[in-house]
All heavy atoms as atom14 arrays in JSON, in Angstrom:
{
  "sequence": "AYPSSVLMNAIPAQVAGVQEIVMVVPTPDGVKNQMV",
  "atom14_mask": [
    [1, 1, 1, 1, 1, 0, 0, 0, 0, 0, 0, 0, 0, 0],
    [1, 1, 1, 1, 1, 1, 1, 1, 1, 1, 1, 1, 0, 0],
    [1, 1, 1, 1, 1, 1, 1, 0, 0, 0, 0, 0, 0, 0],
    [1, 1, 1, 1, 1, 1, 0, 0, 0, 0, 0, 0, 0, 0],
    [1, 1, 1, 1, 1, 1, 0, 0, 0, 0, 0, 0, 0, 0],
    [1, 1, 1, 1, 1, 1, 1, 0, 0, 0, 0, 0, 0, 0],
    [1, 1, 1, 1, 1, 1, 1, 1, 0, 0, 0, 0, 0, 0],
    [1, 1, 1, 1, 1, 1, 1, 1, 0, 0, 0, 0, 0, 0],
    [1, 1, 1, 1, 1, 1, 1, 1, 0, 0, 0, 0, 0, 0],
    [1, 1, 1, 1, 1, 0, 0, 0, 0, 0, 0, 0, 0, 0],
    [1, 1, 1, 1, 1, 1, 1, 1, 0, 0, 0, 0, 0, 0],
    [1, 1, 1, 1, 1, 1, 1, 0, 0, 0, 0, 0, 0, 0],
    [1, 1, 1, 1, 1, 0, 0, 0, 0, 0, 0, 0, 0, 0],
    [1, 1, 1, 1, 1, 1, 1, 1, 1, 0, 0, 0, 0, 0],
    [1, 1, 1, 1, 1, 1, 1, 0, 0, 0, 0, 0, 0, 0],
    [1, 1, 1, 1, 1, 0, 0, 0, 0, 0, 0, 0, 0, 0],
    [1, 1, 1, 1, 0, 0, 0, 0, 0, 0, 0, 0, 0, 0],
    [1, 1, 1, 1, 1, 1, 1, 0, 0, 0, 0, 0, 0, 0],
    [1, 1, 1, 1, 1, 1, 1, 1, 1, 0, 0, 0, 0, 0],
    [1, 1, 1, 1, 1, 1, 1, 1, 1, 0, 0, 0, 0, 0],
    [1, 1, 1, 1, 1, 1, 1, 1, 0, 0, 0, 0, 0, 0],
    [1, 1, 1, 1, 1, 1, 1, 0, 0, 0, 0, 0, 0, 0],
    [1, 1, 1, 1, 1, 1, 1, 1, 0, 0, 0, 0, 0, 0],
    [1, 1, 1, 1, 1, 1, 1, 0, 0, 0, 0, 0, 0, 0],
    [1, 1, 1, 1, 1, 1, 1, 0, 0, 0, 0, 0, 0, 0],
    [1, 1, 1, 1, 1, 1, 1, 0, 0, 0, 0, 0, 0, 0],
    [1, 1, 1, 1, 1, 1, 1, 0, 0, 0, 0, 0, 0, 0],
    [1, 1, 1, 1, 1, 1, 1, 0, 0, 0, 0, 0, 0, 0],
    [1, 1, 1, 1, 1, 1, 1, 1, 0, 0, 0, 0, 0, 0],
    [1, 1, 1, 1, 0, 0, 0, 0, 0, 0, 0, 0, 0, 0],
    [1, 1, 1, 1, 1, 1, 1, 0, 0, 0, 0, 0, 0, 0],
    [1, 1, 1, 1, 1, 1, 1, 1, 1, 0, 0, 0, 0, 0],
    [1, 1, 1, 1, 1, 1, 1, 1, 0, 0, 0, 0, 0, 0],
    [1, 1, 1, 1, 1, 1, 1, 1, 1, 0, 0, 0, 0, 0],
    [1, 1, 1, 1, 1, 1, 1, 1, 0, 0, 0, 0, 0, 0],
    [1, 1, 1, 1, 1, 1, 1, 0, 0, 0, 0, 0, 0, 0]
  ],
  "atom14_positions": [
    [[105.95, 110.4, 105.95], [105.54, 109.06, 106.13], [104.32, 109.08, 107.06], [104.29, 109.81, 108.06], [106.57, 108.16, 106.64], [0.0, 0.0, 0.0], [0.0, 0.0, 0.0], [0.0, 0.0, 0.0], [0.0, 0.0, 0.0], [0.0, 0.0, 0.0], [0.0, 0.0, 0.0], [0.0, 0.0, 0.0], [0.0, 0.0, 0.0], [0.0, 0.0, 0.0]],
    [[103.27, 108.28, 106.69], [102.1, 108.27, 107.44], [101.59, 106.79, 107.9], [100.76, 106.28, 107.31], [100.98, 108.91, 106.56], [101.26, 110.32, 106.36], [101.73, 110.82, 105.01], [100.9, 111.43, 107.21], [102.13, 112.09, 104.73], [101.24, 112.69, 106.92], [101.8, 113.13, 105.64], [101.98, 114.3, 105.41], [0.0, 0.0, 0.0], [0.0, 0.0, 0.0]],
    [[102.19, 106.34, 108.87], [101.82, 105.02, 109.43], [100.37, 105.01, 109.9], [99.6, 104.09, 109.79], [102.81, 104.72, 110.5], [103.48, 105.96, 110.88], [103.45, 106.76, 109.61], [0.0, 0.0, 0.0], [0.0, 0.0, 0.0], [0.0, 0.0, 0.0], [0.0, 0.0, 0.0], [0.0, 0.0, 0.0], [0.0, 0.0, 0.0], [0.0, 0.0, 0.0]],
    [[99.95, 106.19, 110.37], [98.51, 106.31, 110.92], [97.57, 106.16, 109.7], [96.45, 105.58, 110.05], [98.3, 107.68, 111.55], [98.6, 108.68, 110.78], [0.0, 0.0, 0.0], [0.0, 0.0, 0.0], [0.0, 0.0, 0.0], [0.0, 0.0, 0.0], [0.0, 0.0, 0.0], [0.0, 0.0, 0.0], [0.0, 0.0, 0.0], [0.0, 0.0, 0.0]],
    [[97.91, 106.6, 108.65], [97.04, 106.37, 107.43], [96.88, 104.87, 107.07], [95.75, 104.48, 106.62], [97.52, 107.17, 106.19], [97.19, 108.58, 106.3], [0.0, 0.0, 0.0], [0.0, 0.0, 0.0], [0.0, 0.0, 0.0], [0.0, 0.0, 0.0], [0.0, 0.0, 0.0], [0.0, 0.0, 0.0], [0.0, 0.0, 0.0], [0.0, 0.0, 0.0]],
    [[97.9, 104.13, 107.25], [97.86, 102.77, 107.01], [96.84, 102.07, 107.96], [95.92, 101.26, 107.58], [99.24, 102.08, 107.31], [99.14, 100.54, 106.99], [100.22, 102.57, 106.34], [0.0, 0.0, 0.0], [0.0, 0.0, 0.0], [0.0, 0.0, 0.0], [0.0, 0.0, 0.0], [0.0, 0.0, 0.0], [0.0, 0.0, 0.0], [0.0, 0.0, 0.0]],
    [[96.88, 102.41, 109.15], [95.93, 101.9, 110.25], [94.53, 102.25, 109.85], [93.53, 101.4, 109.93], [96.38, 102.27, 111.67], [97.64, 101.92, 112.11], [97.92, 102.48, 113.53], [97.98, 100.41, 112.09], [0.0, 0.0, 0.0], [0.0, 0.0, 0.0], [0.0, 0.0, 0.0], [0.0, 0.0, 0.0], [0.0, 0.0, 0.0], [0.0, 0.0, 0.0]],
    [[94.34, 103.48, 109.62], [93.04, 104.01, 109.44], [92.31, 103.51, 108.15], [91.13, 103.47, 108.09], [93.07, 105.62, 109.44], [93.45, 106.32, 110.76], [92.14, 106.09, 111.96], [92.82, 106.99, 113.38], [0.0, 0.0, 0.0], [0.0, 0.0, 0.0], [0.0, 0.0, 0.0], [0.0, 0.0, 0.0], [0.0, 0.0, 0.0], [0.0, 0.0, 0.0]],
    [[93.03, 103.2, 107.15], [92.55, 102.71, 105.89], [92.42, 101.26, 105.89], [91.39, 100.76, 105.39], [93.31, 103.24, 104.77], [93.09, 104.77, 104.38], [92.15, 104.93, 103.61], [93.97, 105.51, 104.78], [0.0, 0.0, 0.0], [0.0, 0.0, 0.0], [0.0, 0.0, 0.0], [0.0, 0.0, 0.0], [0.0, 0.0, 0.0], [0.0, 0.0, 0.0]],
    [[93.39, 100.58, 106.35], [93.37, 99.02, 106.22], [92.53, 98.5, 107.37], [91.86, 97.41, 106.95], [94.88, 98.54, 106.38], [0.0, 0.0, 0.0], [0.0, 0.0, 0.0], [0.0, 0.0, 0.0], [0.0, 0.0, 0.0], [0.0, 0.0, 0.0], [0.0, 0.0, 0.0], [0.0, 0.0, 0.0], [0.0, 0.0, 0.0], [0.0, 0.0, 0.0]],
    [[92.45, 98.93, 108.55], [91.77, 98.19, 109.58], [90.29, 98.12, 109.37], [89.68, 97.08, 109.45], [92.14, 98.8, 110.92], [93.65, 98.4, 111.34], [91.06, 98.29, 112.0], [94.03, 99.07, 112.66], [0.0, 0.0, 0.0], [0.0, 0.0, 0.0], [0.0, 0.0, 0.0], [0.0, 0.0, 0.0], [0.0, 0.0, 0.0], [0.0, 0.0, 0.0]],
    [[89.55, 99.28, 108.97], [88.22, 99.09, 108.77], [87.93, 98.21, 107.49], [86.91, 97.49, 107.5], [87.62, 100.57, 108.42], [88.93, 101.35, 108.15], [90.03, 100.68, 108.95], [0.0, 0.0, 0.0], [0.0, 0.0, 0.0], [0.0, 0.0, 0.0], [0.0, 0.0, 0.0], [0.0, 0.0, 0.0], [0.0, 0.0, 0.0], [0.0, 0.0, 0.0]],
    [[88.86, 98.14, 106.6], [88.47, 97.24, 105.45], [88.73, 95.72, 105.86], [87.9, 94.89, 105.52], [89.68, 97.46, 104.34], [0.0, 0.0, 0.0], [0.0, 0.0, 0.0], [0.0, 0.0, 0.0], [0.0, 0.0, 0.0], [0.0, 0.0, 0.0], [0.0, 0.0, 0.0], [0.0, 0.0, 0.0], [0.0, 0.0, 0.0], [0.0, 0.0, 0.0]],
    [[89.62, 95.52, 106.78], [89.74, 94.21, 107.4], [88.58, 93.81, 108.19], [88.06, 92.64, 108.09], [91.01, 94.0, 108.08], [91.48, 92.69, 108.54], [92.61, 92.53, 109.44], [92.64, 93.31, 110.42], [93.58, 91.66, 109.21], [0.0, 0.0, 0.0], [0.0, 0.0, 0.0], [0.0, 0.0, 0.0], [0.0, 0.0, 0.0], [0.0, 0.0, 0.0]],
    [[88.07, 94.64, 108.95], [86.97, 94.51, 109.89], [85.73, 94.28, 108.96], [84.86, 93.34, 109.36], [86.71, 95.74, 110.79], [85.36, 95.57, 111.58], [87.82, 95.77, 111.84], [0.0, 0.0, 0.0], [0.0, 0.0, 0.0], [0.0, 0.0, 0.0], [0.0, 0.0, 0.0], [0.0, 0.0, 0.0], [0.0, 0.0, 0.0], [0.0, 0.0, 0.0]],
    [[85.64, 94.9, 107.96], [84.41, 94.79, 106.97], [84.45, 93.36, 106.39], [83.34, 92.84, 105.92], [84.49, 95.79, 105.96], [0.0, 0.0, 0.0], [0.0, 0.0, 0.0], [0.0, 0.0, 0.0], [0.0, 0.0, 0.0], [0.0, 0.0, 0.0], [0.0, 0.0, 0.0], [0.0, 0.0, 0.0], [0.0, 0.0, 0.0], [0.0, 0.0, 0.0]],
    [[85.57, 92.69, 106.32], [85.67, 91.35, 105.74], [86.29, 91.24, 104.43], [86.27, 90.27, 103.67], [0.0, 0.0, 0.0], [0.0, 0.0, 0.0], [0.0, 0.0, 0.0], [0.0, 0.0, 0.0], [0.0, 0.0, 0.0], [0.0, 0.0, 0.0], [0.0, 0.0, 0.0], [0.0, 0.0, 0.0], [0.0, 0.0, 0.0], [0.0, 0.0, 0.0]],
    [[86.96, 92.27, 104.02], [87.74, 92.3, 102.64], [88.9, 91.38, 102.79], [89.69, 91.38, 103.64], [88.26, 93.74, 102.4], [89.19, 93.84, 101.17], [87.17, 94.75, 102.36], [0.0, 0.0, 0.0], [0.0, 0.0, 0.0], [0.0, 0.0, 0.0], [0.0, 0.0, 0.0], [0.0, 0.0, 0.0], [0.0, 0.0, 0.0], [0.0, 0.0, 0.0]],
    [[88.92, 90.54, 101.78], [89.93, 89.38, 101.79], [91.24, 89.82, 101.34], [92.37, 89.29, 101.75], [89.38, 88.2, 100.96], [88.16, 87.4, 101.62], [88.49, 87.02, 102.95], [89.41, 86.19, 103.25], [87.66, 87.48, 103.83], [0.0, 0.0, 0.0], [0.0, 0.0, 0.0], [0.0, 0.0, 0.0], [0.0, 0.0, 0.0], [0.0, 0.0, 0.0]],
    [[91.36, 90.79, 100.31], [92.61, 91.13, 99.83], [92.7, 92.72, 99.98], [91.87, 93.46, 99.38], [92.75, 90.76, 98.29], [92.93, 89.36, 98.08], [93.13, 89.1, 96.71], [94.19, 89.53, 96.04], [92.37, 88.43, 95.94], [0.0, 0.0, 0.0], [0.0, 0.0, 0.0], [0.0, 0.0, 0.0], [0.0, 0.0, 0.0], [0.0, 0.0, 0.0]],
    [[93.78, 93.21, 100.64], [94.05, 94.57, 100.92], [95.52, 94.83, 100.28], [96.35, 94.33, 100.79], [94.01, 94.89, 102.33], [92.64, 94.55, 103.04], [94.24, 96.51, 102.57], [92.57, 94.68, 104.53], [0.0, 0.0, 0.0], [0.0, 0.0, 0.0], [0.0, 0.0, 0.0], [0.0, 0.0, 0.0], [0.0, 0.0, 0.0], [0.0, 0.0, 0.0]],
    [[95.42, 95.58, 99.15], [96.62, 95.81, 98.44], [97.01, 97.25, 98.76], [96.42, 98.25, 98.46], [96.48, 95.6, 96.89], [97.75, 95.82, 96.24], [95.91, 94.16, 96.66], [0.0, 0.0, 0.0], [0.0, 0.0, 0.0], [0.0, 0.0, 0.0], [0.0, 0.0, 0.0], [0.0, 0.0, 0.0], [0.0, 0.0, 0.0], [0.0, 0.0, 0.0]],
    [[98.21, 97.41, 99.36], [98.59, 98.79, 99.66], [99.76, 99.21, 98.73], [100.74, 98.4, 98.43], [99.23, 98.75, 101.14], [99.79, 100.07, 101.65], [100.36, 99.88, 103.42], [102.16, 100.16, 103.2], [0.0, 0.0, 0.0], [0.0, 0.0, 0.0], [0.0, 0.0, 0.0], [0.0, 0.0, 0.0], [0.0, 0.0, 0.0], [0.0, 0.0, 0.0]],
    [[99.64, 100.44, 98.26], [100.83, 101.01, 97.55], [101.29, 102.15, 98.19], [100.63, 102.95, 98.82], [100.29, 101.36, 96.09], [99.97, 100.1, 95.16], [99.1, 102.38, 96.13], [0.0, 0.0, 0.0], [0.0, 0.0, 0.0], [0.0, 0.0, 0.0], [0.0, 0.0, 0.0], [0.0, 0.0, 0.0], [0.0, 0.0, 0.0], [0.0, 0.0, 0.0]],
    [[102.63, 102.28, 98.26], [103.28, 103.36, 98.86], [104.62, 103.73, 98.12], [105.4, 102.96, 97.85], [103.61, 103.09, 100.34], [104.4, 101.86, 100.54], [104.25, 104.24, 101.02], [0.0, 0.0, 0.0], [0.0, 0.0, 0.0], [0.0, 0.0, 0.0], [0.0, 0.0, 0.0], [0.0, 0.0, 0.0], [0.0, 0.0, 0.0], [0.0, 0.0, 0.0]],
    [[104.75, 105.02, 97.74], [105.91, 105.42, 97.01], [107.15, 105.34, 98.02], [106.92, 105.69, 99.11], [105.68, 106.78, 96.45], [104.64, 107.32, 97.45], [103.77, 106.14, 97.87], [0.0, 0.0, 0.0], [0.0, 0.0, 0.0], [0.0, 0.0, 0.0], [0.0, 0.0, 0.0], [0.0, 0.0, 0.0], [0.0, 0.0, 0.0], [0.0, 0.0, 0.0]],
    [[108.32, 105.01, 97.48], [109.5, 105.15, 98.33], [110.59, 105.95, 97.5], [111.46, 105.46, 96.77], [110.12, 103.65, 98.49], [110.22, 102.94, 97.36], [109.05, 102.98, 99.39], [0.0, 0.0, 0.0], [0.0, 0.0, 0.0], [0.0, 0.0, 0.0], [0.0, 0.0, 0.0], [0.0, 0.0, 0.0], [0.0, 0.0, 0.0], [0.0, 0.0, 0.0]],
    [[110.46, 107.26, 97.54], [111.41, 108.23, 96.88], [112.92, 107.79, 97.23], [113.16, 107.52, 98.42], [111.09, 109.49, 97.41], [109.67, 109.4, 97.76], [109.42, 107.97, 98.31], [0.0, 0.0, 0.0], [0.0, 0.0, 0.0], [0.0, 0.0, 0.0], [0.0, 0.0, 0.0], [0.0, 0.0, 0.0], [0.0, 0.0, 0.0], [0.0, 0.0, 0.0]],
    [[113.77, 107.63, 96.24], [115.12, 107.29, 96.3], [115.22, 105.91, 96.94], [116.36, 105.51, 97.37], [115.86, 108.27, 97.25], [115.8, 109.78, 96.7], [116.15, 109.94, 95.52], [115.46, 110.64, 97.5], [0.0, 0.0, 0.0], [0.0, 0.0, 0.0], [0.0, 0.0, 0.0], [0.0, 0.0, 0.0], [0.0, 0.0, 0.0], [0.0, 0.0, 0.0]],
    [[114.25, 105.12, 96.86], [114.23, 103.72, 97.26], [114.28, 103.53, 98.75], [114.5, 102.35, 99.2], [0.0, 0.0, 0.0], [0.0, 0.0, 0.0], [0.0, 0.0, 0.0], [0.0, 0.0, 0.0], [0.0, 0.0, 0.0], [0.0, 0.0, 0.0], [0.0, 0.0, 0.0], [0.0, 0.0, 0.0], [0.0, 0.0, 0.0], [0.0, 0.0, 0.0]],
    [[114.0, 104.62, 99.52], [113.97, 104.54, 100.95], [112.66, 104.05, 101.58], [111.6, 104.77, 101.37], [114.31, 105.84, 101.56], [114.43, 105.7, 103.17], [115.76, 106.21, 101.14], [0.0, 0.0, 0.0], [0.0, 0.0, 0.0], [0.0, 0.0, 0.0], [0.0, 0.0, 0.0], [0.0, 0.0, 0.0], [0.0, 0.0, 0.0], [0.0, 0.0, 0.0]],
    [[112.56, 102.92, 102.2], [111.33, 102.48, 102.81], [111.26, 103.0, 104.26], [112.24, 102.78, 105.05], [111.37, 100.89, 102.75], [111.33, 100.35, 101.48], [111.41, 98.89, 101.39], [111.51, 98.16, 99.96], [111.75, 96.79, 99.96], [0.0, 0.0, 0.0], [0.0, 0.0, 0.0], [0.0, 0.0, 0.0], [0.0, 0.0, 0.0], [0.0, 0.0, 0.0]],
    [[110.14, 103.33, 104.69], [109.86, 103.81, 106.04], [109.41, 102.65, 106.8], [108.44, 101.95, 106.58], [108.74, 104.94, 106.12], [108.5, 105.48, 107.49], [107.71, 104.8, 108.18], [109.09, 106.5, 107.8], [0.0, 0.0, 0.0], [0.0, 0.0, 0.0], [0.0, 0.0, 0.0], [0.0, 0.0, 0.0], [0.0, 0.0, 0.0], [0.0, 0.0, 0.0]],
    [[110.14, 102.38, 107.93], [109.91, 101.14, 108.71], [108.6, 101.24, 109.6], [108.01, 100.2, 109.7], [111.17, 100.99, 109.67], [112.47, 100.61, 108.99], [112.31, 99.4, 108.14], [112.25, 98.35, 108.49], [112.49, 99.66, 106.83], [0.0, 0.0, 0.0], [0.0, 0.0, 0.0], [0.0, 0.0, 0.0], [0.0, 0.0, 0.0], [0.0, 0.0, 0.0]],
    [[108.17, 102.43, 109.95], [106.94, 102.46, 110.63], [105.82, 102.24, 109.8], [104.82, 101.61, 110.11], [106.75, 103.9, 111.37], [107.49, 103.9, 112.66], [107.01, 105.41, 113.54], [105.49, 104.8, 114.34], [0.0, 0.0, 0.0], [0.0, 0.0, 0.0], [0.0, 0.0, 0.0], [0.0, 0.0, 0.0], [0.0, 0.0, 0.0], [0.0, 0.0, 0.0]],
    [[105.93, 102.6, 108.53], [104.74, 102.43, 107.59], [104.72, 100.86, 107.32], [103.62, 100.43, 107.33], [105.08, 103.17, 106.27], [104.09, 102.66, 105.13], [104.79, 104.62, 106.47], [0.0, 0.0, 0.0], [0.0, 0.0, 0.0], [0.0, 0.0, 0.0], [0.0, 0.0, 0.0], [0.0, 0.0, 0.0], [0.0, 0.0, 0.0], [0.0, 0.0, 0.0]]
  ]
}
C-alpha cells in the first residue's frame, strides 16, 4: 500500500486548482488499507 503516492499525486492537483480528483485503488480480497 502506498499512502505516500496518494499525497504526492493528489496534493499538486489540488494546489493547481483541479476541482475533481478521482482516485482508484485496487483492494485485493476486498481489504481496504486504512492509511491509503
